[in-house]
All heavy atoms as atom14 arrays in JSON, in Angstrom:
{
  "sequence": "EARYGAGEAFKAFDPTLGTEIAPDFAGANLDDVRI",
  "atom14_mask": [
    [1, 1, 1, 1, 1, 1, 1, 1, 1, 0, 0, 0, 0, 0],
    [1, 1, 1, 1, 1, 0, 0, 0, 0, 0, 0, 0, 0, 0],
    [1, 1, 1, 1, 1, 1, 1, 1, 1, 1, 1, 0, 0, 0],
    [1, 1, 1, 1, 1, 1, 1, 1, 1, 1, 1, 1, 0, 0],
    [1, 1, 1, 1, 0, 0, 0, 0, 0, 0, 0, 0, 0, 0],
    [1, 1, 1, 1, 1, 0, 0, 0, 0, 0, 0, 0, 0, 0],
    [1, 1, 1, 1, 0, 0, 0, 0, 0, 0, 0, 0, 0, 0],
    [1, 1, 1, 1, 1, 1, 1, 1, 1, 0, 0, 0, 0, 0],
    [1, 1, 1, 1, 1, 0, 0, 0, 0, 0, 0, 0, 0, 0],
    [1, 1, 1, 1, 1, 1, 1, 1, 1, 1, 1, 0, 0, 0],
    [1, 1, 1, 1, 1, 1, 1, 1, 1, 0, 0, 0, 0, 0],
    [1, 1, 1, 1, 1, 0, 0, 0, 0, 0, 0, 0, 0, 0],
    [1, 1, 1, 1, 1, 1, 1, 1, 1, 1, 1, 0, 0, 0],
    [1, 1, 1, 1, 1, 1, 1, 1, 0, 0, 0, 0, 0, 0],
    [1, 1, 1, 1, 1, 1, 1, 0, 0, 0, 0, 0, 0, 0],
    [1, 1, 1, 1, 1, 1, 1, 0, 0, 0, 0, 0, 0, 0],
    [1, 1, 1, 1, 1, 1, 1, 1, 0, 0, 0, 0, 0, 0],
    [1, 1, 1, 1, 0, 0, 0, 0, 0, 0, 0, 0, 0, 0],
    [1, 1, 1, 1, 1, 1, 1, 0, 0, 0, 0, 0, 0, 0],
    [1, 1, 1, 1, 1, 1, 1, 1, 1, 0, 0, 0, 0, 0],
    [1, 1, 1, 1, 1, 1, 1, 1, 0, 0, 0, 0, 0, 0],
    [1, 1, 1, 1, 1, 0, 0, 0, 0, 0, 0, 0, 0, 0],
    [1, 1, 1, 1, 1, 1, 1, 0, 0, 0, 0, 0, 0, 0],
    [1, 1, 1, 1, 1, 1, 1, 1, 0, 0, 0, 0, 0, 0],
    [1, 1, 1, 1, 1, 1, 1, 1, 1, 1, 1, 0, 0, 0],
    [1, 1, 1, 1, 1, 0, 0, 0, 0, 0, 0, 0, 0, 0],
    [1, 1, 1, 1, 0, 0, 0, 0, 0, 0, 0, 0, 0, 0],
    [1, 1, 1, 1, 1, 0, 0, 0, 0, 0, 0, 0, 0, 0],
    [1, 1, 1, 1, 1, 1, 1, 1, 0, 0, 0, 0, 0, 0],
    [1, 1, 1, 1, 1, 1, 1, 1, 0, 0, 0, 0, 0, 0],
    [1, 1, 1, 1, 1, 1, 1, 1, 0, 0, 0, 0, 0, 0],
    [1, 1, 1, 1, 1, 1, 1, 1, 0, 0, 0, 0, 0, 0],
    [1, 1, 1, 1, 1, 1, 1, 0, 0, 0, 0, 0, 0, 0],
    [1, 1, 1, 1, 1, 1, 1, 1, 1, 1, 1, 0, 0, 0],
    [1, 1, 1, 1, 1, 1, 1, 1, 0, 0, 0, 0, 0, 0]
  ],
  "atom14_positions": [
    [[-21.81, 9.83, 14.64], [-21.62, 9.08, 15.87], [-21.96, 7.61, 15.66], [-22.83, 7.27, 14.86], [-22.49, 9.66, 16.99], [-22.17, 11.1, 17.35], [-23.08, 11.63, 18.44], [-24.07, 10.93, 18.77], [-22.82, 12.73, 18.94], [0.0, 0.0, 0.0], [0.0, 0.0, 0.0], [0.0, 0.0, 0.0], [0.0, 0.0, 0.0], [0.0, 0.0, 0.0]],
    [[-21.29, 6.76, 16.41], [-21.58, 5.32, 16.41], [-22.38, 4.99, 17.67], [-22.0, 5.39, 18.77], [-20.29, 4.51, 16.38], [0.0, 0.0, 0.0], [0.0, 0.0, 0.0], [0.0, 0.0, 0.0], [0.0, 0.0, 0.0], [0.0, 0.0, 0.0], [0.0, 0.0, 0.0], [0.0, 0.0, 0.0], [0.0, 0.0, 0.0], [0.0, 0.0, 0.0]],
    [[-23.49, 4.27, 17.5], [-24.3, 3.91, 18.66], [-25.09, 2.66, 18.35], [-25.31, 2.29, 17.2], [-25.24, 5.06, 19.03], [-26.25, 5.44, 17.96], [-27.18, 6.53, 18.47], [-28.13, 7.0, 17.48], [-29.25, 6.37, 17.17], [-29.55, 5.21, 17.74], [-30.07, 6.87, 16.26], [0.0, 0.0, 0.0], [0.0, 0.0, 0.0], [0.0, 0.0, 0.0]],
    [[-25.56, 2.01, 19.41], [-26.35, 0.8, 19.24], [-27.79, 1.16, 18.93], [-28.36, 2.1, 19.5], [-26.29, -0.07, 20.51], [-24.94, -0.67, 20.74], [-24.07, -0.13, 21.68], [-24.51, -1.75, 19.98], [-22.8, -0.67, 21.87], [-23.25, -2.29, 20.16], [-22.4, -1.74, 21.11], [-21.15, -2.26, 21.28], [0.0, 0.0, 0.0], [0.0, 0.0, 0.0]],
    [[-28.37, 0.41, 18.02], [-29.76, 0.62, 17.67], [-30.69, -0.1, 18.61], [-30.26, -0.95, 19.41], [0.0, 0.0, 0.0], [0.0, 0.0, 0.0], [0.0, 0.0, 0.0], [0.0, 0.0, 0.0], [0.0, 0.0, 0.0], [0.0, 0.0, 0.0], [0.0, 0.0, 0.0], [0.0, 0.0, 0.0], [0.0, 0.0, 0.0], [0.0, 0.0, 0.0]],
    [[-31.96, 0.23, 18.51], [-32.98, -0.38, 19.38], [-33.8, -1.43, 18.65], [-34.74, -1.99, 19.22], [-33.89, 0.71, 19.94], [0.0, 0.0, 0.0], [0.0, 0.0, 0.0], [0.0, 0.0, 0.0], [0.0, 0.0, 0.0], [0.0, 0.0, 0.0], [0.0, 0.0, 0.0], [0.0, 0.0, 0.0], [0.0, 0.0, 0.0], [0.0, 0.0, 0.0]],
    [[-33.45, -1.7, 17.39], [-34.19, -2.7, 16.64], [-33.71, -4.11, 16.94], [-32.87, -4.34, 17.82], [0.0, 0.0, 0.0], [0.0, 0.0, 0.0], [0.0, 0.0, 0.0], [0.0, 0.0, 0.0], [0.0, 0.0, 0.0], [0.0, 0.0, 0.0], [0.0, 0.0, 0.0], [0.0, 0.0, 0.0], [0.0, 0.0, 0.0], [0.0, 0.0, 0.0]],
    [[-34.22, -5.08, 16.18], [-33.87, -6.49, 16.39], [-32.39, -6.72, 16.07], [-31.89, -6.35, 15.02], [-34.73, -7.38, 15.5], [-34.46, -8.86, 15.68], [-35.28, -9.74, 14.76], [-36.09, -9.18, 13.97], [-35.12, -10.97, 14.8], [0.0, 0.0, 0.0], [0.0, 0.0, 0.0], [0.0, 0.0, 0.0], [0.0, 0.0, 0.0], [0.0, 0.0, 0.0]],
    [[-31.68, -7.36, 17.0], [-30.26, -7.63, 16.82], [-30.05, -8.94, 16.05], [-30.91, -9.84, 16.07], [-29.55, -7.7, 18.17], [0.0, 0.0, 0.0], [0.0, 0.0, 0.0], [0.0, 0.0, 0.0], [0.0, 0.0, 0.0], [0.0, 0.0, 0.0], [0.0, 0.0, 0.0], [0.0, 0.0, 0.0], [0.0, 0.0, 0.0], [0.0, 0.0, 0.0]],
    [[-28.93, -9.06, 15.4], [-28.58, -10.28, 14.68], [-27.07, -10.4, 14.63], [-26.35, -9.45, 14.9], [-29.18, -10.28, 13.26], [-28.59, -9.23, 12.35], [-27.57, -9.54, 11.46], [-29.06, -7.93, 12.38], [-27.03, -8.57, 10.63], [-28.53, -6.94, 11.55], [-27.52, -7.27, 10.67], [0.0, 0.0, 0.0], [0.0, 0.0, 0.0], [0.0, 0.0, 0.0]],
    [[-26.6, -11.58, 14.27], [-25.15, -11.82, 14.13], [-24.82, -12.06, 12.67], [-25.65, -12.52, 11.88], [-24.72, -13.03, 14.96], [-24.51, -12.74, 16.45], [-23.91, -13.96, 17.13], [-23.42, -13.63, 18.54], [-24.51, -13.27, 19.45], [0.0, 0.0, 0.0], [0.0, 0.0, 0.0], [0.0, 0.0, 0.0], [0.0, 0.0, 0.0], [0.0, 0.0, 0.0]],
    [[-23.58, -11.77, 12.32], [-23.07, -12.15, 11.0], [-22.86, -13.66, 10.97], [-22.89, -14.34, 12.0], [-21.76, -11.41, 10.72], [0.0, 0.0, 0.0], [0.0, 0.0, 0.0], [0.0, 0.0, 0.0], [0.0, 0.0, 0.0], [0.0, 0.0, 0.0], [0.0, 0.0, 0.0], [0.0, 0.0, 0.0], [0.0, 0.0, 0.0], [0.0, 0.0, 0.0]],
    [[-22.61, -14.18, 9.75], [-22.51, -15.64, 9.55], [-21.27, -15.95, 8.75], [-20.95, -15.28, 7.77], [-23.76, -16.13, 8.82], [-23.85, -17.63, 8.69], [-24.3, -18.4, 9.76], [-23.49, -18.27, 7.51], [-24.38, -19.78, 9.64], [-23.57, -19.64, 7.4], [-24.02, -20.4, 8.47], [0.0, 0.0, 0.0], [0.0, 0.0, 0.0], [0.0, 0.0, 0.0]],
    [[-20.54, -16.96, 9.21], [-19.36, -17.46, 8.5], [-19.79, -18.6, 7.59], [-20.08, -19.7, 8.07], [-18.32, -17.94, 9.51], [-17.03, -18.43, 8.86], [-17.08, -18.85, 7.69], [-15.98, -18.4, 9.54], [0.0, 0.0, 0.0], [0.0, 0.0, 0.0], [0.0, 0.0, 0.0], [0.0, 0.0, 0.0], [0.0, 0.0, 0.0], [0.0, 0.0, 0.0]],
    [[-19.89, -18.39, 6.26], [-20.39, -19.45, 5.38], [-19.44, -20.63, 5.22], [-19.87, -21.71, 4.84], [-20.6, -18.72, 4.05], [-19.64, -17.59, 4.09], [-19.55, -17.17, 5.52], [0.0, 0.0, 0.0], [0.0, 0.0, 0.0], [0.0, 0.0, 0.0], [0.0, 0.0, 0.0], [0.0, 0.0, 0.0], [0.0, 0.0, 0.0], [0.0, 0.0, 0.0]],
    [[-18.16, -20.42, 5.53], [-17.2, -21.52, 5.41], [-17.34, -22.5, 6.56], [-17.37, -23.71, 6.37], [-15.76, -20.97, 5.35], [-15.65, -20.06, 4.25], [-14.77, -22.09, 5.16], [0.0, 0.0, 0.0], [0.0, 0.0, 0.0], [0.0, 0.0, 0.0], [0.0, 0.0, 0.0], [0.0, 0.0, 0.0], [0.0, 0.0, 0.0], [0.0, 0.0, 0.0]],
    [[-17.45, -21.96, 7.77], [-17.57, -22.81, 8.95], [-19.01, -23.11, 9.32], [-19.28, -24.02, 10.1], [-16.87, -22.15, 10.14], [-15.36, -21.89, 10.0], [-14.82, -21.22, 11.25], [-14.62, -23.2, 9.72], [0.0, 0.0, 0.0], [0.0, 0.0, 0.0], [0.0, 0.0, 0.0], [0.0, 0.0, 0.0], [0.0, 0.0, 0.0], [0.0, 0.0, 0.0]],
    [[-19.94, -22.31, 8.79], [-21.34, -22.5, 9.12], [-21.67, -22.07, 10.54], [-22.55, -22.65, 11.18], [0.0, 0.0, 0.0], [0.0, 0.0, 0.0], [0.0, 0.0, 0.0], [0.0, 0.0, 0.0], [0.0, 0.0, 0.0], [0.0, 0.0, 0.0], [0.0, 0.0, 0.0], [0.0, 0.0, 0.0], [0.0, 0.0, 0.0], [0.0, 0.0, 0.0]],
    [[-20.99, -21.03, 11.03], [-21.2, -20.57, 12.4], [-21.47, -19.07, 12.42], [-21.07, -18.34, 11.51], [-19.97, -20.86, 13.27], [-18.81, -20.23, 12.68], [-19.73, -22.36, 13.37], [0.0, 0.0, 0.0], [0.0, 0.0, 0.0], [0.0, 0.0, 0.0], [0.0, 0.0, 0.0], [0.0, 0.0, 0.0], [0.0, 0.0, 0.0], [0.0, 0.0, 0.0]],
    [[-22.12, -18.61, 13.49], [-22.34, -17.18, 13.66], [-21.06, -16.51, 14.16], [-20.19, -17.16, 14.75], [-23.48, -16.94, 14.64], [-24.84, -17.33, 14.09], [-25.97, -16.96, 15.03], [-25.74, -16.99, 16.27], [-27.07, -16.63, 14.55], [0.0, 0.0, 0.0], [0.0, 0.0, 0.0], [0.0, 0.0, 0.0], [0.0, 0.0, 0.0], [0.0, 0.0, 0.0]],
    [[-20.96, -15.2, 13.92], [-19.77, -14.43, 14.28], [-20.18, -13.29, 15.19], [-21.15, -12.57, 14.92], [-19.08, -13.84, 13.03], [-19.04, -14.84, 11.88], [-17.69, -13.35, 13.37], [-18.71, -14.21, 10.54], [0.0, 0.0, 0.0], [0.0, 0.0, 0.0], [0.0, 0.0, 0.0], [0.0, 0.0, 0.0], [0.0, 0.0, 0.0], [0.0, 0.0, 0.0]],
    [[-19.45, -13.1, 16.26], [-19.68, -11.96, 17.15], [-19.19, -10.68, 16.46], [-18.34, -10.74, 15.56], [-18.95, -12.17, 18.47], [0.0, 0.0, 0.0], [0.0, 0.0, 0.0], [0.0, 0.0, 0.0], [0.0, 0.0, 0.0], [0.0, 0.0, 0.0], [0.0, 0.0, 0.0], [0.0, 0.0, 0.0], [0.0, 0.0, 0.0], [0.0, 0.0, 0.0]],
    [[-19.69, -9.52, 16.85], [-20.66, -9.27, 17.91], [-22.08, -9.26, 17.37], [-22.3, -9.48, 16.17], [-20.27, -7.87, 18.4], [-19.87, -7.18, 17.12], [-19.16, -8.24, 16.3], [0.0, 0.0, 0.0], [0.0, 0.0, 0.0], [0.0, 0.0, 0.0], [0.0, 0.0, 0.0], [0.0, 0.0, 0.0], [0.0, 0.0, 0.0], [0.0, 0.0, 0.0]],
    [[-23.04, -8.95, 18.23], [-24.4, -8.69, 17.77], [-24.42, -7.36, 17.02], [-23.74, -6.41, 17.4], [-25.36, -8.58, 18.96], [-25.7, -9.94, 19.55], [-25.46, -10.96, 18.87], [-26.2, -9.99, 20.69], [0.0, 0.0, 0.0], [0.0, 0.0, 0.0], [0.0, 0.0, 0.0], [0.0, 0.0, 0.0], [0.0, 0.0, 0.0], [0.0, 0.0, 0.0]],
    [[-25.23, -7.32, 15.96], [-25.44, -6.07, 15.22], [-26.79, -5.51, 15.6], [-27.81, -6.18, 15.47], [-25.33, -6.3, 13.71], [-23.92, -6.5, 13.28], [-23.35, -7.76, 13.33], [-23.15, -5.43, 12.85], [-22.03, -7.96, 12.97], [-21.82, -5.63, 12.5], [-21.26, -6.89, 12.55], [0.0, 0.0, 0.0], [0.0, 0.0, 0.0], [0.0, 0.0, 0.0]],
    [[-26.78, -4.3, 16.12], [-28.0, -3.68, 16.61], [-28.8, -3.16, 15.42], [-28.37, -2.22, 14.73], [-27.66, -2.53, 17.56], [0.0, 0.0, 0.0], [0.0, 0.0, 0.0], [0.0, 0.0, 0.0], [0.0, 0.0, 0.0], [0.0, 0.0, 0.0], [0.0, 0.0, 0.0], [0.0, 0.0, 0.0], [0.0, 0.0, 0.0], [0.0, 0.0, 0.0]],
    [[-29.91, -3.79, 15.17], [-30.75, -3.36, 14.05], [-31.33, -1.97, 14.28], [-31.54, -1.53, 15.41], [0.0, 0.0, 0.0], [0.0, 0.0, 0.0], [0.0, 0.0, 0.0], [0.0, 0.0, 0.0], [0.0, 0.0, 0.0], [0.0, 0.0, 0.0], [0.0, 0.0, 0.0], [0.0, 0.0, 0.0], [0.0, 0.0, 0.0], [0.0, 0.0, 0.0]],
    [[-31.57, -1.27, 13.19], [-32.2, 0.04, 13.27], [-33.7, -0.11, 13.47], [-34.28, -1.17, 13.19], [-31.92, 0.82, 11.99], [0.0, 0.0, 0.0], [0.0, 0.0, 0.0], [0.0, 0.0, 0.0], [0.0, 0.0, 0.0], [0.0, 0.0, 0.0], [0.0, 0.0, 0.0], [0.0, 0.0, 0.0], [0.0, 0.0, 0.0], [0.0, 0.0, 0.0]],
    [[-34.33, 0.95, 13.96], [-35.79, 0.99, 14.02], [-36.26, 2.22, 13.24], [-35.47, 2.95, 12.65], [-36.3, 0.99, 15.46], [-35.82, 2.19, 16.26], [-35.38, 3.19, 15.69], [-35.92, 2.1, 17.58], [0.0, 0.0, 0.0], [0.0, 0.0, 0.0], [0.0, 0.0, 0.0], [0.0, 0.0, 0.0], [0.0, 0.0, 0.0], [0.0, 0.0, 0.0]],
    [[-37.56, 2.45, 13.24], [-38.11, 3.53, 12.43], [-37.66, 4.9, 12.93], [-37.54, 5.84, 12.14], [-39.63, 3.44, 12.4], [-40.18, 2.17, 11.72], [-41.71, 2.19, 11.71], [-39.65, 2.03, 10.29], [0.0, 0.0, 0.0], [0.0, 0.0, 0.0], [0.0, 0.0, 0.0], [0.0, 0.0, 0.0], [0.0, 0.0, 0.0], [0.0, 0.0, 0.0]],
    [[-37.4, 5.04, 14.23], [-36.86, 6.3, 14.73], [-35.48, 6.58, 14.15], [-35.15, 7.72, 13.81], [-36.78, 6.28, 16.26], [-38.14, 6.47, 16.92], [-39.05, 7.02, 16.25], [-38.29, 6.05, 18.07], [0.0, 0.0, 0.0], [0.0, 0.0, 0.0], [0.0, 0.0, 0.0], [0.0, 0.0, 0.0], [0.0, 0.0, 0.0], [0.0, 0.0, 0.0]],
    [[-34.66, 5.52, 14.03], [-33.33, 5.69, 13.43], [-33.45, 6.14, 11.97], [-32.66, 6.96, 11.5], [-32.55, 4.38, 13.5], [-32.26, 3.95, 14.93], [-31.88, 4.81, 15.74], [-32.43, 2.75, 15.22], [0.0, 0.0, 0.0], [0.0, 0.0, 0.0], [0.0, 0.0, 0.0], [0.0, 0.0, 0.0], [0.0, 0.0, 0.0], [0.0, 0.0, 0.0]],
    [[-34.42, 5.59, 11.26], [-34.65, 6.0, 9.88], [-34.98, 7.48, 9.81], [-34.42, 8.24, 9.0], [-35.78, 5.17, 9.24], [-36.21, 5.75, 7.89], [-35.34, 3.72, 9.07], [0.0, 0.0, 0.0], [0.0, 0.0, 0.0], [0.0, 0.0, 0.0], [0.0, 0.0, 0.0], [0.0, 0.0, 0.0], [0.0, 0.0, 0.0], [0.0, 0.0, 0.0]],
    [[-35.9, 7.91, 10.67], [-36.32, 9.32, 10.66], [-35.15, 10.25, 11.01], [-34.96, 11.3, 10.38], [-37.48, 9.53, 11.63], [-38.81, 8.99, 11.11], [-39.96, 9.4, 12.0], [-39.98, 8.61, 13.23], [-40.66, 7.49, 13.38], [-41.34, 6.98, 12.36], [-40.65, 6.83, 14.53], [0.0, 0.0, 0.0], [0.0, 0.0, 0.0], [0.0, 0.0, 0.0]],
    [[-34.33, 9.84, 11.97], [-33.19, 10.68, 12.37], [-32.18, 10.76, 11.23], [-31.69, 11.84, 10.88], [-32.55, 10.12, 13.65], [-33.5, 10.27, 14.84], [-31.23, 10.84, 13.94], [-33.06, 9.53, 16.08], [0.0, 0.0, 0.0], [0.0, 0.0, 0.0], [0.0, 0.0, 0.0], [0.0, 0.0, 0.0], [0.0, 0.0, 0.0], [0.0, 0.0, 0.0]]
  ]
}
């Protein structure tokens, strides 16, 4: 299954333009690791 994590979110980065790229990536937490 695909689902959003509860850890710290971050965005990808475009190194050519020097800008962030949508969407936010939902970071995993320790519960996600255990599961």
